[in-house]
Amino acid sequence: MNGYTKAGRPKGTYRKARLISEREFNSVIQFLEESNGIHKNRNICILLLNFHLGIKAIDLCLLKASDVFNGKEILGGLCIRKTEPIVHIRLDKKLRFALDLYVKQRIEEEGGSFDTDFILFKSQKNNFSSATLVPLIKKIYHDAGFPGVTSHSGKGAFMKKQVEMHQDIKTVGKMISDVSMNVRRYVTKYTK
């Protein structure tokens, strides 16, 4: 052998992540709100962006504070630049409130060193990578009583909601940067 292993799912995983309903998701957010963890505001924002906007872990890692905050207030939406034309997604009241709490917490903790050009979500040691954010999201769901729910569950729920609202399937695919074949697979799986 040449030292390489076969590509695919990690050992111990055997199926796709299950979708989470709006009711279940709200109970996870309530679980986080009632927790006393120092990262609860960050974690709430991560889950809300993943579930309500379908933003994948790899893209959450790349968000800068300036993508949601102009230095004075939380912006009203995000621009998805992967699409042509550019898609603007409005941030709902709940998400803007959560982001406001998180950004204010970061400003208070970091003081003058807070910079809107820096990465929005920081881990305890440094910036998140998808390899560190995916397990965190999975752990949050597991701790809240929903094992088997992952960051892909949030993306899938977002896709399902968009398709049910009769959004163009190609636009949905570009918004989450999936190829059209994958989007069709999700649509047929989740809309039955």
N, C-alpha and C. Protein backbone atom coordinates (compact mmCIF):
# COMPACT_ATOMS: atom_id res chain seq x y z
N MET A 1 0.83 -1.19 0.00
CA MET A 1 0.00 0.00 0.00
C MET A 1 0.87 1.25 0.00
N ASN A 2 0.31 2.32 -0.49
CA ASN A 2 1.05 3.57 -0.60
C ASN A 2 0.79 4.50 0.59
N GLY A 3 0.13 4.06 1.62
CA GLY A 3 -0.11 4.89 2.80
C GLY A 3 -1.40 5.70 2.75
N TYR A 4 -2.09 5.68 1.63
CA TYR A 4 -3.33 6.43 1.51
C TYR A 4 -4.51 5.52 1.83
N THR A 5 -5.51 6.09 2.44
CA THR A 5 -6.72 5.33 2.72
C THR A 5 -7.79 5.74 1.74
N LYS A 6 -8.80 4.92 1.65
CA LYS A 6 -9.90 5.18 0.73
C LYS A 6 -10.68 6.41 1.21
N ALA A 7 -11.01 7.29 0.28
CA ALA A 7 -11.79 8.47 0.62
C ALA A 7 -13.21 8.06 0.97
N GLY A 8 -13.85 8.85 1.81
CA GLY A 8 -15.24 8.56 2.17
C GLY A 8 -15.54 9.03 3.56
N ARG A 9 -16.57 8.47 4.11
CA ARG A 9 -17.00 8.86 5.45
C ARG A 9 -16.00 8.39 6.48
N PRO A 10 -15.86 9.14 7.57
CA PRO A 10 -14.98 8.70 8.65
C PRO A 10 -15.49 7.41 9.27
N LYS A 11 -14.59 6.65 9.86
CA LYS A 11 -14.99 5.42 10.52
C LYS A 11 -16.01 5.73 11.60
N GLY A 12 -17.00 4.88 11.70
CA GLY A 12 -18.03 5.04 12.72
C GLY A 12 -19.27 5.78 12.20
N THR A 13 -19.18 6.38 11.01
CA THR A 13 -20.37 7.03 10.46
C THR A 13 -20.93 6.13 9.38
N TYR A 14 -22.23 6.05 9.34
CA TYR A 14 -22.83 5.10 8.41
C TYR A 14 -24.03 5.66 7.66
N ARG A 15 -24.45 6.86 7.95
CA ARG A 15 -25.61 7.40 7.25
C ARG A 15 -25.53 8.91 7.22
N LYS A 16 -26.45 9.47 6.44
CA LYS A 16 -26.52 10.93 6.35
C LYS A 16 -27.15 11.50 7.60
N ALA A 17 -26.82 12.77 7.85
CA ALA A 17 -27.39 13.45 9.01
C ALA A 17 -28.90 13.60 8.83
N ARG A 18 -29.62 13.47 9.90
CA ARG A 18 -31.07 13.61 9.81
C ARG A 18 -31.44 15.09 9.87
N LEU A 19 -32.57 15.40 9.28
CA LEU A 19 -33.07 16.77 9.33
C LEU A 19 -33.61 17.07 10.72
N ILE A 20 -33.59 18.31 11.08
CA ILE A 20 -34.15 18.74 12.35
C ILE A 20 -35.31 19.68 12.04
N SER A 21 -36.40 19.50 12.74
CA SER A 21 -37.58 20.34 12.50
C SER A 21 -37.39 21.71 13.17
N GLU A 22 -38.25 22.63 12.80
CA GLU A 22 -38.22 23.98 13.39
C GLU A 22 -38.45 23.90 14.90
N ARG A 23 -39.38 23.07 15.31
CA ARG A 23 -39.69 22.91 16.74
C ARG A 23 -38.48 22.35 17.50
N GLU A 24 -37.85 21.31 16.94
CA GLU A 24 -36.66 20.74 17.57
C GLU A 24 -35.53 21.76 17.63
N PHE A 25 -35.36 22.51 16.54
CA PHE A 25 -34.30 23.51 16.50
C PHE A 25 -34.54 24.57 17.58
N ASN A 26 -35.78 25.02 17.72
CA ASN A 26 -36.09 26.02 18.74
C ASN A 26 -35.80 25.50 20.14
N SER A 27 -35.99 24.20 20.36
CA SER A 27 -35.67 23.64 21.69
C SER A 27 -34.16 23.61 21.91
N VAL A 28 -33.37 23.44 20.85
CA VAL A 28 -31.90 23.49 20.97
C VAL A 28 -31.47 24.91 21.33
N ILE A 29 -32.06 25.90 20.66
CA ILE A 29 -31.73 27.30 20.96
C ILE A 29 -32.11 27.62 22.41
N GLN A 30 -33.27 27.14 22.85
CA GLN A 30 -33.69 27.37 24.24
C GLN A 30 -32.71 26.71 25.20
N PHE A 31 -32.25 25.50 24.86
CA PHE A 31 -31.24 24.81 25.67
C PHE A 31 -29.99 25.67 25.81
N LEU A 32 -29.54 26.26 24.70
CA LEU A 32 -28.34 27.10 24.74
C LEU A 32 -28.58 28.38 25.54
N GLU A 33 -29.75 28.99 25.36
CA GLU A 33 -30.06 30.22 26.08
C GLU A 33 -30.07 30.01 27.58
N GLU A 34 -30.49 28.82 28.01
CA GLU A 34 -30.56 28.51 29.44
C GLU A 34 -29.23 28.05 30.01
N SER A 35 -28.27 27.78 29.14
CA SER A 35 -26.95 27.33 29.61
C SER A 35 -26.15 28.53 30.11
N ASN A 36 -25.13 28.25 30.86
CA ASN A 36 -24.28 29.32 31.42
C ASN A 36 -22.92 29.36 30.74
N GLY A 37 -22.76 28.70 29.62
CA GLY A 37 -21.47 28.65 28.96
C GLY A 37 -21.04 30.02 28.46
N ILE A 38 -19.74 30.26 28.48
CA ILE A 38 -19.22 31.57 28.05
C ILE A 38 -19.35 31.76 26.54
N HIS A 39 -19.55 30.67 25.81
CA HIS A 39 -19.65 30.75 24.35
C HIS A 39 -21.09 30.58 23.85
N LYS A 40 -22.07 30.73 24.74
CA LYS A 40 -23.45 30.46 24.33
C LYS A 40 -23.91 31.43 23.23
N ASN A 41 -23.54 32.70 23.28
CA ASN A 41 -23.96 33.65 22.24
C ASN A 41 -23.34 33.29 20.90
N ARG A 42 -22.08 32.92 20.91
CA ARG A 42 -21.41 32.48 19.68
C ARG A 42 -22.09 31.24 19.11
N ASN A 43 -22.37 30.27 19.97
CA ASN A 43 -22.96 29.02 19.52
C ASN A 43 -24.37 29.22 18.97
N ILE A 44 -25.14 30.10 19.59
CA ILE A 44 -26.49 30.40 19.10
C ILE A 44 -26.40 31.00 17.71
N CYS A 45 -25.49 31.94 17.51
CA CYS A 45 -25.33 32.57 16.19
C CYS A 45 -24.92 31.56 15.13
N ILE A 46 -24.00 30.68 15.47
CA ILE A 46 -23.54 29.66 14.52
C ILE A 46 -24.72 28.79 14.08
N LEU A 47 -25.50 28.32 15.05
CA LEU A 47 -26.64 27.45 14.72
C LEU A 47 -27.70 28.20 13.93
N LEU A 48 -27.99 29.44 14.30
CA LEU A 48 -29.00 30.21 13.58
C LEU A 48 -28.59 30.45 12.13
N LEU A 49 -27.34 30.80 11.89
CA LEU A 49 -26.86 31.02 10.52
C LEU A 49 -26.90 29.72 9.72
N ASN A 50 -26.56 28.63 10.35
CA ASN A 50 -26.57 27.34 9.68
C ASN A 50 -27.99 26.89 9.35
N PHE A 51 -28.90 27.01 10.30
CA PHE A 51 -30.26 26.52 10.13
C PHE A 51 -31.11 27.45 9.27
N HIS A 52 -31.07 28.74 9.54
CA HIS A 52 -31.96 29.67 8.85
C HIS A 52 -31.42 30.16 7.50
N LEU A 53 -30.09 30.10 7.31
CA LEU A 53 -29.52 30.57 6.04
C LEU A 53 -28.79 29.47 5.28
N GLY A 54 -28.69 28.28 5.86
CA GLY A 54 -28.06 27.16 5.17
C GLY A 54 -26.56 27.31 4.99
N ILE A 55 -25.93 28.15 5.79
CA ILE A 55 -24.49 28.39 5.64
C ILE A 55 -23.73 27.20 6.22
N LYS A 56 -22.88 26.62 5.39
CA LYS A 56 -22.12 25.44 5.80
C LYS A 56 -21.01 25.83 6.75
N ALA A 57 -20.49 24.84 7.49
CA ALA A 57 -19.45 25.08 8.48
C ALA A 57 -18.23 25.73 7.85
N ILE A 58 -17.84 25.28 6.68
CA ILE A 58 -16.64 25.85 6.04
C ILE A 58 -16.84 27.33 5.73
N ASP A 59 -18.07 27.72 5.37
CA ASP A 59 -18.35 29.13 5.08
C ASP A 59 -18.53 29.93 6.37
N LEU A 60 -19.06 29.32 7.42
CA LEU A 60 -19.16 30.00 8.71
C LEU A 60 -17.77 30.37 9.24
N CYS A 61 -16.80 29.51 8.97
CA CYS A 61 -15.42 29.77 9.41
C CYS A 61 -14.82 30.98 8.71
N LEU A 62 -15.31 31.29 7.53
CA LEU A 62 -14.75 32.38 6.73
C LEU A 62 -15.45 33.72 6.93
N LEU A 63 -16.60 33.72 7.61
CA LEU A 63 -17.32 34.97 7.83
C LEU A 63 -16.47 35.93 8.65
N LYS A 64 -16.46 37.18 8.23
CA LYS A 64 -15.78 38.22 8.99
C LYS A 64 -16.83 39.01 9.76
N ALA A 65 -16.41 39.67 10.81
CA ALA A 65 -17.34 40.50 11.57
C ALA A 65 -17.97 41.55 10.66
N SER A 66 -17.22 42.07 9.71
CA SER A 66 -17.74 43.11 8.80
C SER A 66 -18.83 42.58 7.87
N ASP A 67 -18.98 41.26 7.76
CA ASP A 67 -20.06 40.69 6.95
C ASP A 67 -21.43 40.91 7.60
N VAL A 68 -21.44 41.10 8.92
CA VAL A 68 -22.70 41.27 9.64
C VAL A 68 -22.76 42.54 10.48
N PHE A 69 -21.62 43.23 10.62
CA PHE A 69 -21.53 44.39 11.53
C PHE A 69 -20.74 45.49 10.85
N ASN A 70 -21.31 46.71 10.83
CA ASN A 70 -20.64 47.82 10.14
C ASN A 70 -19.81 48.70 11.08
N GLY A 71 -19.62 48.28 12.30
CA GLY A 71 -18.88 49.07 13.27
C GLY A 71 -19.80 49.80 14.24
N LYS A 72 -21.07 49.94 13.87
CA LYS A 72 -22.05 50.60 14.72
C LYS A 72 -23.24 49.71 15.04
N GLU A 73 -23.68 48.94 14.03
CA GLU A 73 -24.87 48.11 14.21
C GLU A 73 -24.81 46.87 13.32
N ILE A 74 -25.68 45.91 13.64
CA ILE A 74 -25.78 44.69 12.84
C ILE A 74 -26.46 45.04 11.52
N LEU A 75 -25.93 44.51 10.45
CA LEU A 75 -26.49 44.76 9.12
C LEU A 75 -27.80 43.99 8.95
N GLY A 76 -28.58 44.38 7.98
CA GLY A 76 -29.88 43.76 7.75
C GLY A 76 -29.84 42.48 6.95
N GLY A 77 -28.69 42.15 6.37
CA GLY A 77 -28.63 40.94 5.55
C GLY A 77 -27.21 40.56 5.17
N LEU A 78 -27.10 39.46 4.48
CA LEU A 78 -25.82 38.96 3.96
C LEU A 78 -25.89 38.90 2.44
N CYS A 79 -24.76 39.09 1.79
CA CYS A 79 -24.68 38.92 0.34
C CYS A 79 -24.01 37.59 0.07
N ILE A 80 -24.66 36.75 -0.72
CA ILE A 80 -24.06 35.48 -1.13
C ILE A 80 -23.41 35.73 -2.48
N ARG A 81 -22.10 35.83 -2.49
CA ARG A 81 -21.38 36.22 -3.70
C ARG A 81 -21.08 35.04 -4.62
N LYS A 82 -21.43 33.83 -4.19
CA LYS A 82 -21.18 32.65 -5.01
C LYS A 82 -22.16 32.56 -6.17
N THR A 83 -23.24 33.33 -6.09
CA THR A 83 -24.28 33.25 -7.11
C THR A 83 -24.14 34.39 -8.10
N GLU A 84 -24.67 34.20 -9.26
CA GLU A 84 -24.70 35.23 -10.29
C GLU A 84 -26.13 35.35 -10.76
N PRO A 85 -26.88 36.36 -10.51
CA PRO A 85 -26.47 37.57 -9.80
C PRO A 85 -26.32 37.31 -8.31
N ILE A 86 -25.69 38.26 -7.62
CA ILE A 86 -25.48 38.14 -6.19
C ILE A 86 -26.83 38.06 -5.48
N VAL A 87 -26.95 37.13 -4.55
CA VAL A 87 -28.20 36.95 -3.80
C VAL A 87 -28.06 37.63 -2.45
N HIS A 88 -29.05 38.43 -2.08
CA HIS A 88 -29.08 39.09 -0.78
C HIS A 88 -30.07 38.35 0.10
N ILE A 89 -29.61 37.95 1.28
CA ILE A 89 -30.47 37.23 2.22
C ILE A 89 -30.69 38.12 3.43
N ARG A 90 -31.94 38.36 3.75
CA ARG A 90 -32.30 39.20 4.88
C ARG A 90 -32.12 38.43 6.18
N LEU A 91 -31.54 39.08 7.17
CA LEU A 91 -31.41 38.48 8.49
C LEU A 91 -32.68 38.78 9.28
N ASP A 92 -33.30 37.74 9.82
CA ASP A 92 -34.52 37.97 10.58
C ASP A 92 -34.19 38.60 11.94
N LYS A 93 -35.23 39.04 12.62
CA LYS A 93 -35.08 39.76 13.88
C LYS A 93 -34.32 38.93 14.93
N LYS A 94 -34.66 37.66 15.02
CA LYS A 94 -34.03 36.76 16.00
C LYS A 94 -32.52 36.64 15.74
N LEU A 95 -32.15 36.50 14.48
CA LEU A 95 -30.74 36.37 14.13
C LEU A 95 -29.99 37.68 14.36
N ARG A 96 -30.59 38.80 13.99
CA ARG A 96 -29.93 40.10 14.21
C ARG A 96 -29.73 40.34 15.71
N PHE A 97 -30.73 39.98 16.53
CA PHE A 97 -30.61 40.14 17.98
C PHE A 97 -29.47 39.28 18.52
N ALA A 98 -29.40 38.02 18.09
CA ALA A 98 -28.34 37.12 18.56
C ALA A 98 -26.96 37.61 18.13
N LEU A 99 -26.85 38.06 16.88
CA LEU A 99 -25.57 38.59 16.40
C LEU A 99 -25.17 39.85 17.17
N ASP A 100 -26.15 40.68 17.49
CA ASP A 100 -25.88 41.90 18.26
C ASP A 100 -25.31 41.55 19.64
N LEU A 101 -25.92 40.58 20.32
CA LEU A 101 -25.41 40.15 21.62
C LEU A 101 -23.99 39.61 21.51
N TYR A 102 -23.76 38.79 20.49
CA TYR A 102 -22.44 38.18 20.32
C TYR A 102 -21.37 39.23 20.00
N VAL A 103 -21.66 40.13 19.08
CA VAL A 103 -20.67 41.15 18.70
C VAL A 103 -20.39 42.07 19.89
N LYS A 104 -21.43 42.47 20.63
CA LYS A 104 -21.22 43.30 21.82
C LYS A 104 -20.35 42.59 22.85
N GLN A 105 -20.57 41.27 23.00
CA GLN A 105 -19.75 40.48 23.93
C GLN A 105 -18.30 40.47 23.46
N ARG A 106 -18.08 40.27 22.16
CA ARG A 106 -16.71 40.29 21.63
C ARG A 106 -16.04 41.64 21.83
N ILE A 107 -16.78 42.72 21.58
CA ILE A 107 -16.22 44.07 21.75
C ILE A 107 -15.85 44.30 23.21
N GLU A 108 -16.71 43.88 24.13
CA GLU A 108 -16.44 44.03 25.56
C GLU A 108 -15.21 43.23 25.99
N GLU A 109 -15.09 42.00 25.49
CA GLU A 109 -13.97 41.14 25.88
C GLU A 109 -12.65 41.58 25.25
N GLU A 110 -12.71 42.01 23.98
CA GLU A 110 -11.49 42.32 23.25
C GLU A 110 -11.10 43.79 23.32
N GLY A 111 -12.06 44.64 23.67
CA GLY A 111 -11.78 46.06 23.78
C GLY A 111 -11.30 46.66 22.48
N GLY A 112 -10.22 47.41 22.55
CA GLY A 112 -9.69 48.10 21.38
C GLY A 112 -9.09 47.17 20.33
N SER A 113 -8.86 45.92 20.68
CA SER A 113 -8.28 44.99 19.70
C SER A 113 -9.33 44.38 18.78
N PHE A 114 -10.62 44.62 19.07
CA PHE A 114 -11.68 44.10 18.19
C PHE A 114 -11.62 44.81 16.85
N ASP A 115 -11.61 44.04 15.78
CA ASP A 115 -11.53 44.60 14.43
C ASP A 115 -12.56 43.90 13.56
N THR A 116 -13.36 44.68 12.83
CA THR A 116 -14.40 44.08 11.99
C THR A 116 -13.82 43.30 10.82
N ASP A 117 -12.54 43.46 10.52
CA ASP A 117 -11.93 42.69 9.44
C ASP A 117 -11.47 41.31 9.90
N PHE A 118 -11.59 41.04 11.19
CA PHE A 118 -11.22 39.74 11.72
C PHE A 118 -12.37 38.76 11.54
N ILE A 119 -12.05 37.49 11.69
CA ILE A 119 -13.03 36.41 11.58
C ILE A 119 -14.11 36.59 12.65
N LEU A 120 -15.36 36.33 12.27
CA LEU A 120 -16.50 36.53 13.18
C LEU A 120 -16.50 35.52 14.33
N PHE A 121 -16.34 34.23 14.01
CA PHE A 121 -16.44 33.19 15.05
C PHE A 121 -15.06 32.69 15.41
N LYS A 122 -14.71 32.88 16.68
CA LYS A 122 -13.41 32.43 17.19
C LYS A 122 -13.60 31.25 18.12
N SER A 123 -12.66 30.32 18.07
CA SER A 123 -12.67 29.23 19.03
C SER A 123 -11.92 29.70 20.28
N GLN A 124 -11.74 28.82 21.23
CA GLN A 124 -11.05 29.20 22.46
C GLN A 124 -9.60 29.58 22.18
N LYS A 125 -8.99 28.91 21.22
CA LYS A 125 -7.57 29.12 20.96
C LYS A 125 -7.32 30.08 19.80
N ASN A 126 -8.11 29.98 18.75
CA ASN A 126 -7.86 30.79 17.56
C ASN A 126 -9.12 30.80 16.70
N ASN A 127 -8.93 30.85 15.39
CA ASN A 127 -10.06 30.81 14.48
C ASN A 127 -10.51 29.36 14.27
N PHE A 128 -11.79 29.19 13.98
CA PHE A 128 -12.31 27.87 13.68
C PHE A 128 -11.86 27.43 12.29
N SER A 129 -11.74 26.14 12.12
CA SER A 129 -11.65 25.54 10.80
C SER A 129 -12.89 24.65 10.69
N SER A 130 -13.18 24.18 9.49
CA SER A 130 -14.35 23.30 9.38
C SER A 130 -14.12 22.02 10.19
N ALA A 131 -12.86 21.61 10.34
CA ALA A 131 -12.55 20.40 11.10
C ALA A 131 -12.83 20.58 12.60
N THR A 132 -12.83 21.82 13.09
CA THR A 132 -13.14 22.04 14.50
C THR A 132 -14.58 22.51 14.70
N LEU A 133 -15.16 23.17 13.70
CA LEU A 133 -16.53 23.68 13.86
C LEU A 133 -17.58 22.58 13.69
N VAL A 134 -17.37 21.66 12.76
CA VAL A 134 -18.34 20.58 12.53
C VAL A 134 -18.55 19.75 13.80
N PRO A 135 -17.47 19.31 14.48
CA PRO A 135 -17.69 18.55 15.73
C PRO A 135 -18.36 19.38 16.82
N LEU A 136 -18.08 20.69 16.86
CA LEU A 136 -18.73 21.54 17.86
C LEU A 136 -20.23 21.58 17.64
N ILE A 137 -20.65 21.78 16.39
CA ILE A 137 -22.08 21.82 16.08
C ILE A 137 -22.74 20.49 16.44
N LYS A 138 -22.09 19.40 16.08
CA LYS A 138 -22.63 18.07 16.39
C LYS A 138 -22.75 17.87 17.90
N LYS A 139 -21.75 18.33 18.65
CA LYS A 139 -21.77 18.20 20.12
C LYS A 139 -22.90 19.03 20.73
N ILE A 140 -23.13 20.23 20.21
CA ILE A 140 -24.21 21.08 20.73
C ILE A 140 -25.55 20.36 20.56
N TYR A 141 -25.79 19.84 19.36
CA TYR A 141 -27.05 19.12 19.12
C TYR A 141 -27.16 17.89 20.01
N HIS A 142 -26.06 17.16 20.15
CA HIS A 142 -26.06 15.95 20.98
C HIS A 142 -26.36 16.31 22.44
N ASP A 143 -25.70 17.35 22.95
CA ASP A 143 -25.92 17.76 24.34
C ASP A 143 -27.35 18.23 24.57
N ALA A 144 -27.97 18.78 23.53
CA ALA A 144 -29.35 19.26 23.64
C ALA A 144 -30.36 18.12 23.47
N GLY A 145 -29.88 16.90 23.21
CA GLY A 145 -30.77 15.75 23.11
C GLY A 145 -31.12 15.32 21.70
N PHE A 146 -30.31 15.74 20.72
CA PHE A 146 -30.56 15.38 19.34
C PHE A 146 -29.32 14.75 18.70
N PRO A 147 -28.99 13.52 19.09
CA PRO A 147 -27.83 12.86 18.47
C PRO A 147 -28.12 12.59 16.99
N GLY A 148 -27.09 12.63 16.20
CA GLY A 148 -27.25 12.37 14.77
C GLY A 148 -27.55 13.62 13.96
N VAL A 149 -27.74 14.76 14.62
CA VAL A 149 -27.98 16.02 13.91
C VAL A 149 -26.63 16.73 13.79
N THR A 150 -26.34 17.21 12.59
CA THR A 150 -25.05 17.85 12.31
C THR A 150 -25.26 19.17 11.58
N SER A 151 -24.17 19.79 11.17
CA SER A 151 -24.26 21.03 10.40
C SER A 151 -24.96 20.78 9.07
N HIS A 152 -24.87 19.58 8.54
CA HIS A 152 -25.56 19.25 7.29
C HIS A 152 -27.08 19.23 7.49
N SER A 153 -27.51 18.96 8.72
CA SER A 153 -28.94 18.99 9.01
C SER A 153 -29.50 20.39 8.85
N GLY A 154 -28.74 21.38 9.29
CA GLY A 154 -29.17 22.76 9.14
C GLY A 154 -29.25 23.17 7.68
N LYS A 155 -28.25 22.76 6.92
CA LYS A 155 -28.24 23.06 5.48
C LYS A 155 -29.43 22.38 4.80
N GLY A 156 -29.69 21.15 5.16
CA GLY A 156 -30.81 20.41 4.56
C GLY A 156 -32.16 21.03 4.91
N ALA A 157 -32.31 21.48 6.17
CA ALA A 157 -33.55 22.13 6.58
C ALA A 157 -33.76 23.44 5.81
N PHE A 158 -32.68 24.18 5.62
CA PHE A 158 -32.76 25.42 4.84
C PHE A 158 -33.19 25.12 3.41
N MET A 159 -32.59 24.11 2.81
CA MET A 159 -32.93 23.75 1.43
C MET A 159 -34.39 23.34 1.33
N LYS A 160 -34.84 22.54 2.26
CA LYS A 160 -36.23 22.08 2.25
C LYS A 160 -37.18 23.27 2.33
N LYS A 161 -36.88 24.20 3.23
CA LYS A 161 -37.73 25.37 3.40
C LYS A 161 -37.77 26.22 2.12
N GLN A 162 -36.61 26.39 1.47
CA GLN A 162 -36.55 27.19 0.25
C GLN A 162 -37.34 26.55 -0.88
N VAL A 163 -37.23 25.24 -1.01
CA VAL A 163 -37.96 24.53 -2.06
C VAL A 163 -39.46 24.58 -1.79
N GLU A 164 -39.85 24.43 -0.54
CA GLU A 164 -41.27 24.53 -0.20
C GLU A 164 -41.84 25.92 -0.48
N MET A 165 -40.97 26.94 -0.43
CA MET A 165 -41.39 28.31 -0.75
C MET A 165 -41.27 28.59 -2.25
N HIS A 166 -41.02 27.54 -3.04
CA HIS A 166 -40.94 27.60 -4.50
C HIS A 166 -39.77 28.45 -5.00
N GLN A 167 -38.68 28.46 -4.26
CA GLN A 167 -37.46 29.13 -4.70
C GLN A 167 -36.86 28.32 -5.86
N ASP A 168 -36.25 28.99 -6.80
CA ASP A 168 -35.60 28.33 -7.93
C ASP A 168 -34.50 27.40 -7.43
N ILE A 169 -34.55 26.15 -7.87
CA ILE A 169 -33.63 25.13 -7.36
C ILE A 169 -32.16 25.45 -7.69
N LYS A 170 -31.91 26.06 -8.84
CA LYS A 170 -30.53 26.42 -9.19
C LYS A 170 -30.00 27.50 -8.25
N THR A 171 -30.83 28.45 -7.90
CA THR A 171 -30.42 29.51 -6.97
C THR A 171 -30.14 28.94 -5.59
N VAL A 172 -31.00 28.03 -5.14
CA VAL A 172 -30.78 27.39 -3.84
C VAL A 172 -29.45 26.64 -3.86
N GLY A 173 -29.18 25.93 -4.92
CA GLY A 173 -27.93 25.20 -5.05
C GLY A 173 -26.71 26.10 -5.01
N LYS A 174 -26.79 27.24 -5.68
CA LYS A 174 -25.67 28.18 -5.68
C LYS A 174 -25.50 28.83 -4.32
N MET A 175 -26.63 29.10 -3.65
CA MET A 175 -26.55 29.74 -2.33
C MET A 175 -25.80 28.88 -1.33
N ILE A 176 -25.93 27.58 -1.44
CA ILE A 176 -25.24 26.70 -0.52
C ILE A 176 -24.05 26.01 -1.18
N SER A 177 -23.73 26.44 -2.39
CA SER A 177 -22.63 25.96 -3.22
C SER A 177 -22.59 24.45 -3.38
N ASP A 178 -23.75 23.89 -3.64
CA ASP A 178 -23.84 22.49 -4.02
C ASP A 178 -24.04 22.43 -5.53
N VAL A 179 -23.57 21.37 -6.13
CA VAL A 179 -23.86 21.21 -7.55
C VAL A 179 -25.30 20.78 -7.71
N SER A 180 -25.86 21.00 -8.88
CA SER A 180 -27.29 20.76 -9.08
C SER A 180 -27.69 19.31 -8.79
N MET A 181 -26.82 18.37 -9.06
CA MET A 181 -27.15 16.98 -8.80
C MET A 181 -27.39 16.75 -7.30
N ASN A 182 -26.55 17.34 -6.46
CA ASN A 182 -26.73 17.20 -5.02
C ASN A 182 -28.01 17.88 -4.56
N VAL A 183 -28.33 19.03 -5.13
CA VAL A 183 -29.55 19.73 -4.74
C VAL A 183 -30.76 18.87 -5.07
N ARG A 184 -30.77 18.28 -6.23
CA ARG A 184 -31.91 17.43 -6.60
C ARG A 184 -32.03 16.24 -5.66
N ARG A 185 -30.88 15.69 -5.25
CA ARG A 185 -30.91 14.56 -4.32
C ARG A 185 -31.56 14.99 -3.01
N TYR A 186 -31.16 16.16 -2.46
CA TYR A 186 -31.75 16.65 -1.24
C TYR A 186 -33.24 16.93 -1.39
N VAL A 187 -33.60 17.53 -2.51
CA VAL A 187 -35.00 17.89 -2.73
C VAL A 187 -35.87 16.65 -2.76
N THR A 188 -35.42 15.62 -3.47
CA THR A 188 -36.25 14.42 -3.54
C THR A 188 -36.27 13.72 -2.18
N LYS A 189 -35.19 13.77 -1.44
CA LYS A 189 -35.14 13.10 -0.15
C LYS A 189 -35.99 13.81 0.89
N TYR A 190 -35.93 15.15 0.94
CA TYR A 190 -36.51 15.87 2.05
C TYR A 190 -37.92 16.39 1.79
N THR A 191 -38.42 16.33 0.60
CA THR A 191 -39.75 16.90 0.36
C THR A 191 -40.83 15.84 0.28
N LYS A 192 -40.49 14.60 0.49
CA LYS A 192 -41.50 13.53 0.43
C LYS A 192 -42.35 13.52 1.68
